[in-house]
Amino acid sequence: MAVVVKRFDVWLVDLNPVIGSKISKTRPCLVISPNEVNGLLATVTIAAMTSANKPYPHRVNCTFQGKDGQIALDHIRSVSKLRLVKKLGLMDENTCRQVCETLTEFFSFE
């Protein structure tokens, strides 16, 4: 049975192996790719979540399952759906809105 992945789902994702300064290990990640793409491809685009609180401009503060952390929009990558370990839940609407606004700013070509 195919894995159903939706935008703004939070999945536990195995990010190893990595090269360089990418965020590693198995950790929660927010799916940011559109549902239309998620249904067609064997990959999804994710942003790693971290409990480290860094003052970086493209990090979005969040609380998920009672734990404070950040969504690291400076650590976006596409991963195979085979790396998805387990669905953890859905991010709250306010945080999703902040993610969209931050991504729009991040990819602004002005």
PDB file of N, CA and C in Angstrom:
ATOM      1  N   MET A   1       0.846  -1.193   0.000  1.00  0.00           N
ATOM      2  CA  MET A   1       0.000   0.000   0.000  1.00  0.00           C
ATOM      3  C   MET A   1       0.884   1.247   0.000  1.00  0.00           C
ATOM      4  N   ALA A   2       0.546   2.207  -0.832  1.00  0.00           N
ATOM      5  CA  ALA A   2       1.333   3.432  -0.950  1.00  0.00           C
ATOM      6  C   ALA A   2       1.167   4.305   0.294  1.00  0.00           C
ATOM      7  N   VAL A   3       2.243   4.954   0.664  1.00  0.00           N
ATOM      8  CA  VAL A   3       2.223   5.869   1.798  1.00  0.00           C
ATOM      9  C   VAL A   3       1.558   7.170   1.360  1.00  0.00           C
ATOM     10  N   VAL A   4       0.572   7.636   2.123  1.00  0.00           N
ATOM     11  CA  VAL A   4      -0.100   8.898   1.829  1.00  0.00           C
ATOM     12  C   VAL A   4       0.568   9.982   2.674  1.00  0.00           C
ATOM     13  N   VAL A   5       1.144  10.953   1.987  1.00  0.00           N
ATOM     14  CA  VAL A   5       1.853  12.037   2.658  1.00  0.00           C
ATOM     15  C   VAL A   5       1.211  13.348   2.238  1.00  0.00           C
ATOM     16  N   LYS A   6       0.907  14.200   3.212  1.00  0.00           N
ATOM     17  CA  LYS A   6       0.263  15.479   2.917  1.00  0.00           C
ATOM     18  C   LYS A   6       1.107  16.632   3.436  1.00  0.00           C
ATOM     19  N   ARG A   7       0.956  17.774   2.743  1.00  0.00           N
ATOM     20  CA  ARG A   7       1.648  18.987   3.178  1.00  0.00           C
ATOM     21  C   ARG A   7       1.262  19.308   4.620  1.00  0.00           C
ATOM     22  N   PHE A   8       2.266  19.660   5.391  1.00  0.00           N
ATOM     23  CA  PHE A   8       2.175  20.035   6.801  1.00  0.00           C
ATOM     24  C   PHE A   8       1.996  18.850   7.740  1.00  0.00           C
ATOM     25  N   ASP A   9       2.094  17.622   7.198  1.00  0.00           N
ATOM     26  CA  ASP A   9       2.252  16.460   8.076  1.00  0.00           C
ATOM     27  C   ASP A   9       3.619  16.561   8.734  1.00  0.00           C
ATOM     28  N   VAL A  10       3.729  16.022   9.933  1.00  0.00           N
ATOM     29  CA  VAL A  10       5.030  15.876  10.580  1.00  0.00           C
ATOM     30  C   VAL A  10       5.349  14.388  10.601  1.00  0.00           C
ATOM     31  N   TRP A  11       6.496  14.044  10.029  1.00  0.00           N
ATOM     32  CA  TRP A  11       6.946  12.660   9.958  1.00  0.00           C
ATOM     33  C   TRP A  11       8.284  12.515  10.662  1.00  0.00           C
ATOM     34  N   LEU A  12       8.507  11.363  11.252  1.00  0.00           N
ATOM     35  CA  LEU A  12       9.829  10.987  11.723  1.00  0.00           C
ATOM     36  C   LEU A  12      10.578  10.513  10.488  1.00  0.00           C
ATOM     37  N   VAL A  13      11.719  11.159  10.185  1.00  0.00           N
ATOM     38  CA  VAL A  13      12.444  10.906   8.940  1.00  0.00           C
ATOM     39  C   VAL A  13      13.890  10.529   9.254  1.00  0.00           C
ATOM     40  N   ASP A  14      14.367   9.493   8.602  1.00  0.00           N
ATOM     41  CA  ASP A  14      15.771   9.089   8.734  1.00  0.00           C
ATOM     42  C   ASP A  14      16.594   9.922   7.757  1.00  0.00           C
ATOM     43  N   LEU A  15      17.337  10.897   8.269  1.00  0.00           N
ATOM     44  CA  LEU A  15      18.100  11.815   7.429  1.00  0.00           C
ATOM     45  C   LEU A  15      19.535  11.350   7.176  1.00  0.00           C
ATOM     46  N   ASN A  16      19.924  10.231   7.747  1.00  0.00           N
ATOM     47  CA  ASN A  16      21.285   9.716   7.532  1.00  0.00           C
ATOM     48  C   ASN A  16      21.332   8.870   6.274  1.00  0.00           C
ATOM     49  N   PRO A  17      22.429   8.823   5.576  1.00  0.00           N
ATOM     50  CA  PRO A  17      23.669   9.558   5.839  1.00  0.00           C
ATOM     51  C   PRO A  17      23.597  10.968   5.269  1.00  0.00           C
ATOM     52  N   VAL A  18      24.438  11.844   5.808  1.00  0.00           N
ATOM     53  CA  VAL A  18      24.539  13.216   5.308  1.00  0.00           C
ATOM     54  C   VAL A  18      25.997  13.527   4.999  1.00  0.00           C
ATOM     55  N   ILE A  19      26.191  14.541   4.199  1.00  0.00           N
ATOM     56  CA  ILE A  19      27.529  15.038   3.900  1.00  0.00           C
ATOM     57  C   ILE A  19      27.551  16.514   4.254  1.00  0.00           C
ATOM     58  N   GLY A  20      28.586  16.945   4.934  1.00  0.00           N
ATOM     59  CA  GLY A  20      28.722  18.358   5.263  1.00  0.00           C
ATOM     60  C   GLY A  20      27.893  18.760   6.461  1.00  0.00           C
ATOM     61  N   SER A  21      27.292  19.936   6.378  1.00  0.00           N
ATOM     62  CA  SER A  21      26.642  20.528   7.545  1.00  0.00           C
ATOM     63  C   SER A  21      25.123  20.388   7.545  1.00  0.00           C
ATOM     64  N   LYS A  22      24.606  19.396   6.870  1.00  0.00           N
ATOM     65  CA  LYS A  22      23.163  19.152   6.910  1.00  0.00           C
ATOM     66  C   LYS A  22      22.767  18.612   8.281  1.00  0.00           C
ATOM     67  N   ILE A  23      21.521  18.844   8.650  1.00  0.00           N
ATOM     68  CA  ILE A  23      20.989  18.268   9.885  1.00  0.00           C
ATOM     69  C   ILE A  23      20.866  16.765   9.676  1.00  0.00           C
ATOM     70  N   SER A  24      21.291  16.008  10.685  1.00  0.00           N
ATOM     71  CA  SER A  24      21.324  14.554  10.541  1.00  0.00           C
ATOM     72  C   SER A  24      20.429  13.861  11.553  1.00  0.00           C
ATOM     73  N   LYS A  25      20.515  12.589  11.600  1.00  0.00           N
ATOM     74  CA  LYS A  25      19.858  11.588  12.442  1.00  0.00           C
ATOM     75  C   LYS A  25      18.379  11.450  12.103  1.00  0.00           C
ATOM     76  N   THR A  26      17.702  10.602  12.816  1.00  0.00           N
ATOM     77  CA  THR A  26      16.263  10.416  12.626  1.00  0.00           C
ATOM     78  C   THR A  26      15.562  11.436  13.499  1.00  0.00           C
ATOM     79  N   ARG A  27      14.746  12.269  12.878  1.00  0.00           N
ATOM     80  CA  ARG A  27      14.119  13.371  13.612  1.00  0.00           C
ATOM     81  C   ARG A  27      12.792  13.755  12.961  1.00  0.00           C
ATOM     82  N   PRO A  28      11.957  14.499  13.693  1.00  0.00           N
ATOM     83  CA  PRO A  28      10.724  14.998  13.092  1.00  0.00           C
ATOM     84  C   PRO A  28      11.034  16.001  11.988  1.00  0.00           C
ATOM     85  N   CYS A  29      10.252  15.934  10.922  1.00  0.00           N
ATOM     86  CA  CYS A  29      10.384  16.862   9.799  1.00  0.00           C
ATOM     87  C   CYS A  29       8.996  17.256   9.327  1.00  0.00           C
ATOM     88  N   LEU A  30       8.885  18.493   8.867  1.00  0.00           N
ATOM     89  CA  LEU A  30       7.632  19.004   8.334  1.00  0.00           C
ATOM     90  C   LEU A  30       7.634  18.848   6.819  1.00  0.00           C
ATOM     91  N   VAL A  31       6.591  18.235   6.288  1.00  0.00           N
ATOM     92  CA  VAL A  31       6.451  18.106   4.834  1.00  0.00           C
ATOM     93  C   VAL A  31       5.986  19.454   4.293  1.00  0.00           C
ATOM     94  N   ILE A  32       6.727  19.995   3.312  1.00  0.00           N
ATOM     95  CA  ILE A  32       6.357  21.291   2.740  1.00  0.00           C
ATOM     96  C   ILE A  32       6.002  21.202   1.260  1.00  0.00           C
ATOM     97  N   SER A  33       6.205  20.056   0.646  1.00  0.00           N
ATOM     98  CA  SER A  33       5.844  19.915  -0.770  1.00  0.00           C
ATOM     99  C   SER A  33       4.323  19.834  -0.921  1.00  0.00           C
ATOM    100  N   PRO A  34       3.795  20.317  -2.070  1.00  0.00           N
ATOM    101  CA  PRO A  34       2.348  20.322  -2.299  1.00  0.00           C
ATOM    102  C   PRO A  34       1.771  18.912  -2.411  1.00  0.00           C
ATOM    103  N   ASN A  35       0.526  18.762  -2.023  1.00  0.00           N
ATOM    104  CA  ASN A  35      -0.138  17.453  -2.069  1.00  0.00           C
ATOM    105  C   ASN A  35      -0.137  16.851  -3.468  1.00  0.00           C
ATOM    106  N   GLU A  36      -0.292  17.695  -4.500  1.00  0.00           N
ATOM    107  CA  GLU A  36      -0.299  17.195  -5.876  1.00  0.00           C
ATOM    108  C   GLU A  36       1.023  16.499  -6.203  1.00  0.00           C
ATOM    109  N   VAL A  37       2.117  17.074  -5.751  1.00  0.00           N
ATOM    110  CA  VAL A  37       3.443  16.498  -5.978  1.00  0.00           C
ATOM    111  C   VAL A  37       3.643  15.264  -5.104  1.00  0.00           C
ATOM    112  N   ASN A  38       3.194  15.348  -3.865  1.00  0.00           N
ATOM    113  CA  ASN A  38       3.359  14.225  -2.932  1.00  0.00           C
ATOM    114  C   ASN A  38       2.680  12.962  -3.442  1.00  0.00           C
ATOM    115  N   GLY A  39       1.577  13.129  -4.165  1.00  0.00           N
ATOM    116  CA  GLY A  39       0.863  11.979  -4.694  1.00  0.00           C
ATOM    117  C   GLY A  39       1.481  11.383  -5.948  1.00  0.00           C
ATOM    118  N   LEU A  40       2.325  12.151  -6.628  1.00  0.00           N
ATOM    119  CA  LEU A  40       2.900  11.706  -7.898  1.00  0.00           C
ATOM    120  C   LEU A  40       4.305  11.129  -7.786  1.00  0.00           C
ATOM    121  N   LEU A  41       5.101  11.698  -6.909  1.00  0.00           N
ATOM    122  CA  LEU A  41       6.516  11.343  -6.850  1.00  0.00           C
ATOM    123  C   LEU A  41       6.830  10.380  -5.709  1.00  0.00           C
ATOM    124  N   ALA A  42       7.975   9.748  -5.803  1.00  0.00           N
ATOM    125  CA  ALA A  42       8.460   8.859  -4.741  1.00  0.00           C
ATOM    126  C   ALA A  42       9.272   9.638  -3.712  1.00  0.00           C
ATOM    127  N   THR A  43       9.284  10.966  -3.857  1.00  0.00           N
ATOM    128  CA  THR A  43       9.996  11.829  -2.917  1.00  0.00           C
ATOM    129  C   THR A  43       9.050  12.873  -2.347  1.00  0.00           C
ATOM    130  N   VAL A  44       9.453  13.448  -1.220  1.00  0.00           N
ATOM    131  CA  VAL A  44       8.747  14.578  -0.619  1.00  0.00           C
ATOM    132  C   VAL A  44       9.789  15.612  -0.213  1.00  0.00           C
ATOM    133  N   THR A  45       9.366  16.860  -0.159  1.00  0.00           N
ATOM    134  CA  THR A  45      10.253  17.925   0.292  1.00  0.00           C
ATOM    135  C   THR A  45       9.926  18.226   1.742  1.00  0.00           C
ATOM    136  N   ILE A  46      10.974  18.234   2.563  1.00  0.00           N
ATOM    137  CA  ILE A  46      10.780  18.385   4.005  1.00  0.00           C
ATOM    138  C   ILE A  46      11.689  19.483   4.553  1.00  0.00           C
ATOM    139  N   ALA A  47      11.315  19.980   5.713  1.00  0.00           N
ATOM    140  CA  ALA A  47      12.176  20.869   6.496  1.00  0.00           C
ATOM    141  C   ALA A  47      12.382  20.189   7.839  1.00  0.00           C
ATOM    142  N   ALA A  48      13.630  20.047   8.227  1.00  0.00           N
ATOM    143  CA  ALA A  48      13.953  19.390   9.487  1.00  0.00           C
ATOM    144  C   ALA A  48      13.470  20.233  10.664  1.00  0.00           C
ATOM    145  N   MET A  49      13.077  19.551  11.729  1.00  0.00           N
ATOM    146  CA  MET A  49      12.700  20.218  12.965  1.00  0.00           C
ATOM    147  C   MET A  49      13.798  19.946  13.984  1.00  0.00           C
ATOM    148  N   THR A  50      14.021  20.928  14.848  1.00  0.00           N
ATOM    149  CA  THR A  50      15.093  20.811  15.821  1.00  0.00           C
ATOM    150  C   THR A  50      14.674  21.415  17.154  1.00  0.00           C
ATOM    151  N   SER A  51      15.227  20.897  18.231  1.00  0.00           N
ATOM    152  CA  SER A  51      14.962  21.468  19.551  1.00  0.00           C
ATOM    153  C   SER A  51      15.933  22.605  19.855  1.00  0.00           C
ATOM    154  N   ALA A  52      16.976  22.741  19.033  1.00  0.00           N
ATOM    155  CA  ALA A  52      17.927  23.845  19.201  1.00  0.00           C
ATOM    156  C   ALA A  52      17.239  25.151  18.823  1.00  0.00           C
ATOM    157  N   ASN A  53      17.437  26.167  19.631  1.00  0.00           N
ATOM    158  CA  ASN A  53      16.810  27.461  19.367  1.00  0.00           C
ATOM    159  C   ASN A  53      17.881  28.419  18.868  1.00  0.00           C
ATOM    160  N   LYS A  54      17.927  28.615  17.563  1.00  0.00           N
ATOM    161  CA  LYS A  54      18.925  29.488  16.935  1.00  0.00           C
ATOM    162  C   LYS A  54      18.237  30.757  16.433  1.00  0.00           C
ATOM    163  N   PRO A  55      18.916  31.895  16.531  1.00  0.00           N
ATOM    164  CA  PRO A  55      18.310  33.164  16.093  1.00  0.00           C
ATOM    165  C   PRO A  55      18.459  33.396  14.593  1.00  0.00           C
ATOM    166  N   TYR A  56      18.240  32.372  13.797  1.00  0.00           N
ATOM    167  CA  TYR A  56      18.379  32.490  12.353  1.00  0.00           C
ATOM    168  C   TYR A  56      17.076  33.016  11.758  1.00  0.00           C
ATOM    169  N   PRO A  57      17.166  33.866  10.729  1.00  0.00           N
ATOM    170  CA  PRO A  57      15.959  34.506  10.195  1.00  0.00           C
ATOM    171  C   PRO A  57      14.983  33.557   9.505  1.00  0.00           C
ATOM    172  N   HIS A  58      15.443  32.402   9.061  1.00  0.00           N
ATOM    173  CA  HIS A  58      14.545  31.496   8.344  1.00  0.00           C
ATOM    174  C   HIS A  58      14.228  30.252   9.154  1.00  0.00           C
ATOM    175  N   ARG A  59      14.119  30.448  10.460  1.00  0.00           N
ATOM    176  CA  ARG A  59      13.653  29.390  11.352  1.00  0.00           C
ATOM    177  C   ARG A  59      12.313  29.835  11.919  1.00  0.00           C
ATOM    178  N   VAL A  60      11.383  28.904  12.007  1.00  0.00           N
ATOM    179  CA  VAL A  60      10.048  29.195  12.535  1.00  0.00           C
ATOM    180  C   VAL A  60       9.902  28.464  13.860  1.00  0.00           C
ATOM    181  N   ASN A  61       9.623  29.233  14.916  1.00  0.00           N
ATOM    182  CA  ASN A  61       9.399  28.622  16.224  1.00  0.00           C
ATOM    183  C   ASN A  61       8.107  27.820  16.191  1.00  0.00           C
ATOM    184  N   CYS A  62       8.114  26.700  16.904  1.00  0.00           N
ATOM    185  CA  CYS A  62       6.913  25.870  16.934  1.00  0.00           C
ATOM    186  C   CYS A  62       6.861  25.080  18.234  1.00  0.00           C
ATOM    187  N   THR A  63       5.670  24.603  18.526  1.00  0.00           N
ATOM    188  CA  THR A  63       5.464  23.635  19.596  1.00  0.00           C
ATOM    189  C   THR A  63       4.743  22.462  18.962  1.00  0.00           C
ATOM    190  N   PHE A  64       5.335  21.275  19.098  1.00  0.00           N
ATOM    191  CA  PHE A  64       4.726  20.078  18.523  1.00  0.00           C
ATOM    192  C   PHE A  64       4.768  18.976  19.563  1.00  0.00           C
ATOM    193  N   GLN A  65       3.611  18.406  19.829  1.00  0.00           N
ATOM    194  CA  GLN A  65       3.466  17.356  20.835  1.00  0.00           C
ATOM    195  C   GLN A  65       4.073  17.776  22.169  1.00  0.00           C
ATOM    196  N   GLY A  66       3.827  19.047  22.534  1.00  0.00           N
ATOM    197  CA  GLY A  66       4.261  19.571  23.823  1.00  0.00           C
ATOM    198  C   GLY A  66       5.722  19.955  23.917  1.00  0.00           C
ATOM    199  N   LYS A  67       6.459  19.853  22.816  1.00  0.00           N
ATOM    200  CA  LYS A  67       7.885  20.198  22.830  1.00  0.00           C
ATOM    201  C   LYS A  67       8.127  21.437  21.981  1.00  0.00           C
ATOM    202  N   ASP A  68       8.875  22.399  22.556  1.00  0.00           N
ATOM    203  CA  ASP A  68       9.236  23.607  21.827  1.00  0.00           C
ATOM    204  C   ASP A  68      10.437  23.337  20.934  1.00  0.00           C
ATOM    205  N   GLY A  69      10.445  23.975  19.778  1.00  0.00           N
ATOM    206  CA  GLY A  69      11.564  23.818  18.860  1.00  0.00           C
ATOM    207  C   GLY A  69      11.440  24.777  17.703  1.00  0.00           C
ATOM    208  N   GLN A  70      12.121  24.447  16.622  1.00  0.00           N
ATOM    209  CA  GLN A  70      12.094  25.271  15.424  1.00  0.00           C
ATOM    210  C   GLN A  70      12.011  24.396  14.185  1.00  0.00           C
ATOM    211  N   ILE A  71      11.379  24.948  13.161  1.00  0.00           N
ATOM    212  CA  ILE A  71      11.391  24.337  11.838  1.00  0.00           C
ATOM    213  C   ILE A  71      12.506  25.034  11.077  1.00  0.00           C
ATOM    214  N   ALA A  72      13.486  24.272  10.652  1.00  0.00           N
ATOM    215  CA  ALA A  72      14.693  24.824  10.029  1.00  0.00           C
ATOM    216  C   ALA A  72      14.487  24.956   8.521  1.00  0.00           C
ATOM    217  N   LEU A  73      13.944  26.092   8.104  1.00  0.00           N
ATOM    218  CA  LEU A  73      13.691  26.307   6.682  1.00  0.00           C
ATOM    219  C   LEU A  73      14.977  26.573   5.909  1.00  0.00           C
ATOM    220  N   ASP A  74      16.084  26.692   6.623  1.00  0.00           N
ATOM    221  CA  ASP A  74      17.391  26.758   5.976  1.00  0.00           C
ATOM    222  C   ASP A  74      17.960  25.354   5.756  1.00  0.00           C
ATOM    223  N   HIS A  75      17.195  24.342   6.141  1.00  0.00           N
ATOM    224  CA  HIS A  75      17.586  22.939   5.932  1.00  0.00           C
ATOM    225  C   HIS A  75      16.462  22.184   5.227  1.00  0.00           C
ATOM    226  N   ILE A  76      16.118  22.658   4.039  1.00  0.00           N
ATOM    227  CA  ILE A  76      15.097  22.018   3.212  1.00  0.00           C
ATOM    228  C   ILE A  76      15.786  20.998   2.316  1.00  0.00           C
ATOM    229  N   ARG A  77      15.153  19.843   2.169  1.00  0.00           N
ATOM    230  CA  ARG A  77      15.680  18.847   1.227  1.00  0.00           C
ATOM    231  C   ARG A  77      14.563  17.924   0.771  1.00  0.00           C
ATOM    232  N   SER A  78      14.764  17.322  -0.381  1.00  0.00           N
ATOM    233  CA  SER A  78      13.845  16.296  -0.866  1.00  0.00           C
ATOM    234  C   SER A  78      14.405  14.946  -0.466  1.00  0.00           C
ATOM    235  N   VAL A  79      13.520  14.084   0.020  1.00  0.00           N
ATOM    236  CA  VAL A  79      13.939  12.755   0.462  1.00  0.00           C
ATOM    237  C   VAL A  79      13.003  11.704  -0.124  1.00  0.00           C
ATOM    238  N   SER A  80      13.515  10.520  -0.273  1.00  0.00           N
ATOM    239  CA  SER A  80      12.699   9.388  -0.698  1.00  0.00           C
ATOM    240  C   SER A  80      11.653   9.095   0.373  1.00  0.00           C
ATOM    241  N   LYS A  81      10.480   8.679  -0.052  1.00  0.00           N
ATOM    242  CA  LYS A  81       9.456   8.277   0.915  1.00  0.00           C
ATOM    243  C   LYS A  81       9.902   7.064   1.726  1.00  0.00           C
ATOM    244  N   LEU A  82      10.914   6.346   1.233  1.00  0.00           N
ATOM    245  CA  LEU A  82      11.453   5.213   1.990  1.00  0.00           C
ATOM    246  C   LEU A  82      12.135   5.671   3.273  1.00  0.00           C
ATOM    247  N   ARG A  83      12.498   6.949   3.364  1.00  0.00           N
ATOM    248  CA  ARG A  83      13.117   7.493   4.575  1.00  0.00           C
ATOM    249  C   ARG A  83      12.082   7.860   5.647  1.00  0.00           C
ATOM    250  N   LEU A  84      10.806   7.867   5.280  1.00  0.00           N
ATOM    251  CA  LEU A  84       9.747   8.206   6.237  1.00  0.00           C
ATOM    252  C   LEU A  84       9.520   7.020   7.160  1.00  0.00           C
ATOM    253  N   VAL A  85       9.780   7.226   8.441  1.00  0.00           N
ATOM    254  CA  VAL A  85       9.696   6.143   9.418  1.00  0.00           C
ATOM    255  C   VAL A  85       8.281   6.006   9.966  1.00  0.00           C
ATOM    256  N   LYS A  86       7.693   7.140  10.371  1.00  0.00           N
ATOM    257  CA  LYS A  86       6.387   7.092  11.028  1.00  0.00           C
ATOM    258  C   LYS A  86       5.754   8.481  11.002  1.00  0.00           C
ATOM    259  N   LYS A  87       4.445   8.528  10.722  1.00  0.00           N
ATOM    260  CA  LYS A  87       3.727   9.801  10.783  1.00  0.00           C
ATOM    261  C   LYS A  87       3.493  10.145  12.247  1.00  0.00           C
ATOM    262  N   LEU A  88       3.860  11.383  12.610  1.00  0.00           N
ATOM    263  CA  LEU A  88       3.721  11.822  13.993  1.00  0.00           C
ATOM    264  C   LEU A  88       2.495  12.693  14.213  1.00  0.00           C
ATOM    265  N   GLY A  89       1.993  13.323  13.151  1.00  0.00           N
ATOM    266  CA  GLY A  89       0.830  14.182  13.317  1.00  0.00           C
ATOM    267  C   GLY A  89       0.802  15.289  12.289  1.00  0.00           C
ATOM    268  N   LEU A  90       0.058  16.341  12.611  1.00  0.00           N
ATOM    269  CA  LEU A  90      -0.152  17.480  11.720  1.00  0.00           C
ATOM    270  C   LEU A  90       0.231  18.747  12.470  1.00  0.00           C
ATOM    271  N   MET A  91       0.962  19.629  11.806  1.00  0.00           N
ATOM    272  CA  MET A  91       1.359  20.894  12.426  1.00  0.00           C
ATOM    273  C   MET A  91       0.142  21.808  12.533  1.00  0.00           C
ATOM    274  N   ASP A  92       0.125  22.672  13.557  1.00  0.00           N
ATOM    275  CA  ASP A  92      -1.005  23.571  13.765  1.00  0.00           C
ATOM    276  C   ASP A  92      -1.070  24.646  12.676  1.00  0.00           C
ATOM    277  N   GLU A  93      -2.260  25.169  12.478  1.00  0.00           N
ATOM    278  CA  GLU A  93      -2.540  26.096  11.376  1.00  0.00           C
ATOM    279  C   GLU A  93      -1.712  27.377  11.448  1.00  0.00           C
ATOM    280  N   ASN A  94      -1.549  27.949  12.632  1.00  0.00           N
ATOM    281  CA  ASN A  94      -0.784  29.189  12.772  1.00  0.00           C
ATOM    282  C   ASN A  94       0.675  28.986  12.368  1.00  0.00           C
ATOM    283  N   THR A  95       1.265  27.890  12.792  1.00  0.00           N
ATOM    284  CA  THR A  95       2.653  27.601  12.422  1.00  0.00           C
ATOM    285  C   THR A  95       2.764  27.373  10.920  1.00  0.00           C
ATOM    286  N   CYS A  96       1.793  26.691  10.330  1.00  0.00           N
ATOM    287  CA  CYS A  96       1.797  26.461   8.876  1.00  0.00           C
ATOM    288  C   CYS A  96       1.768  27.785   8.122  1.00  0.00           C
ATOM    289  N   ARG A  97       0.984  28.721   8.610  1.00  0.00           N
ATOM    290  CA  ARG A  97       0.903  30.046   7.986  1.00  0.00           C
ATOM    291  C   ARG A  97       2.266  30.747   8.071  1.00  0.00           C
ATOM    292  N   GLN A  98       2.916  30.665   9.232  1.00  0.00           N
ATOM    293  CA  GLN A  98       4.241  31.278   9.400  1.00  0.00           C
ATOM    294  C   GLN A  98       5.270  30.629   8.477  1.00  0.00           C
ATOM    295  N   VAL A  99       5.181  29.318   8.313  1.00  0.00           N
ATOM    296  CA  VAL A  99       6.090  28.609   7.407  1.00  0.00           C
ATOM    297  C   VAL A  99       5.900  29.119   5.978  1.00  0.00           C
ATOM    298  N   CYS A 100       4.654  29.248   5.531  1.00  0.00           N
ATOM    299  CA  CYS A 100       4.383  29.735   4.168  1.00  0.00           C
ATOM    300  C   CYS A 100       4.918  31.151   3.970  1.00  0.00           C
ATOM    301  N   GLU A 101       4.702  32.020   4.947  1.00  0.00           N
ATOM    302  CA  GLU A 101       5.195  33.394   4.851  1.00  0.00           C
ATOM    303  C   GLU A 101       6.721  33.426   4.802  1.00  0.00           C
ATOM    304  N   THR A 102       7.356  32.624   5.628  1.00  0.00           N
ATOM    305  CA  THR A 102       8.821  32.595   5.672  1.00  0.00           C
ATOM    306  C   THR A 102       9.395  32.019   4.385  1.00  0.00           C
ATOM    307  N   LEU A 103       8.764  30.974   3.844  1.00  0.00           N
ATOM    308  CA  LEU A 103       9.229  30.407   2.572  1.00  0.00           C
ATOM    309  C   LEU A 103       9.079  31.405   1.428  1.00  0.00           C
ATOM    310  N   THR A 104       7.993  32.161   1.429  1.00  0.00           N
ATOM    311  CA  THR A 104       7.787  33.185   0.407  1.00  0.00           C
ATOM    312  C   THR A 104       8.908  34.217   0.472  1.00  0.00           C
ATOM    313  N   GLU A 105       9.259  34.642   1.678  1.00  0.00           N
ATOM    314  CA  GLU A 105      10.359  35.595   1.860  1.00  0.00           C
ATOM    315  C   GLU A 105      11.698  34.964   1.461  1.00  0.00           C
ATOM    316  N   PHE A 106      11.907  33.727   1.861  1.00  0.00           N
ATOM    317  CA  PHE A 106      13.167  33.016   1.602  1.00  0.00           C
ATOM    318  C   PHE A 106      13.433  32.886   0.106  1.00  0.00           C
ATOM    319  N   PHE A 107      12.380  32.605  -0.672  1.00  0.00           N
ATOM    320  CA  PHE A 107      12.541  32.388  -2.106  1.00  0.00           C
ATOM    321  C   PHE A 107      12.175  33.610  -2.949  1.00  0.00           C
ATOM    322  N   SER A 108      12.062  34.771  -2.312  1.00  0.00           N
ATOM    323  CA  SER A 108      11.753  35.998  -3.035  1.00  0.00           C
ATOM    324  C   SER A 108      12.894  36.339  -3.983  1.00  0.00           C
ATOM    325  N   PHE A 109      12.549  36.685  -5.211  1.00  0.00           N
ATOM    326  CA  PHE A 109      13.556  37.009  -6.217  1.00  0.00           C
ATOM    327  C   PHE A 109      13.633  38.512  -6.479  1.00  0.00           C
ATOM    328  N   GLU A 110      13.218  39.292  -5.522  1.00  0.00           N
ATOM    329  CA  GLU A 110      13.260  40.756  -5.676  1.00  0.00           C
ATOM    330  C   GLU A 110      14.640  41.282  -5.385  1.00  0.00           C
TER     331      GLU A 110
END
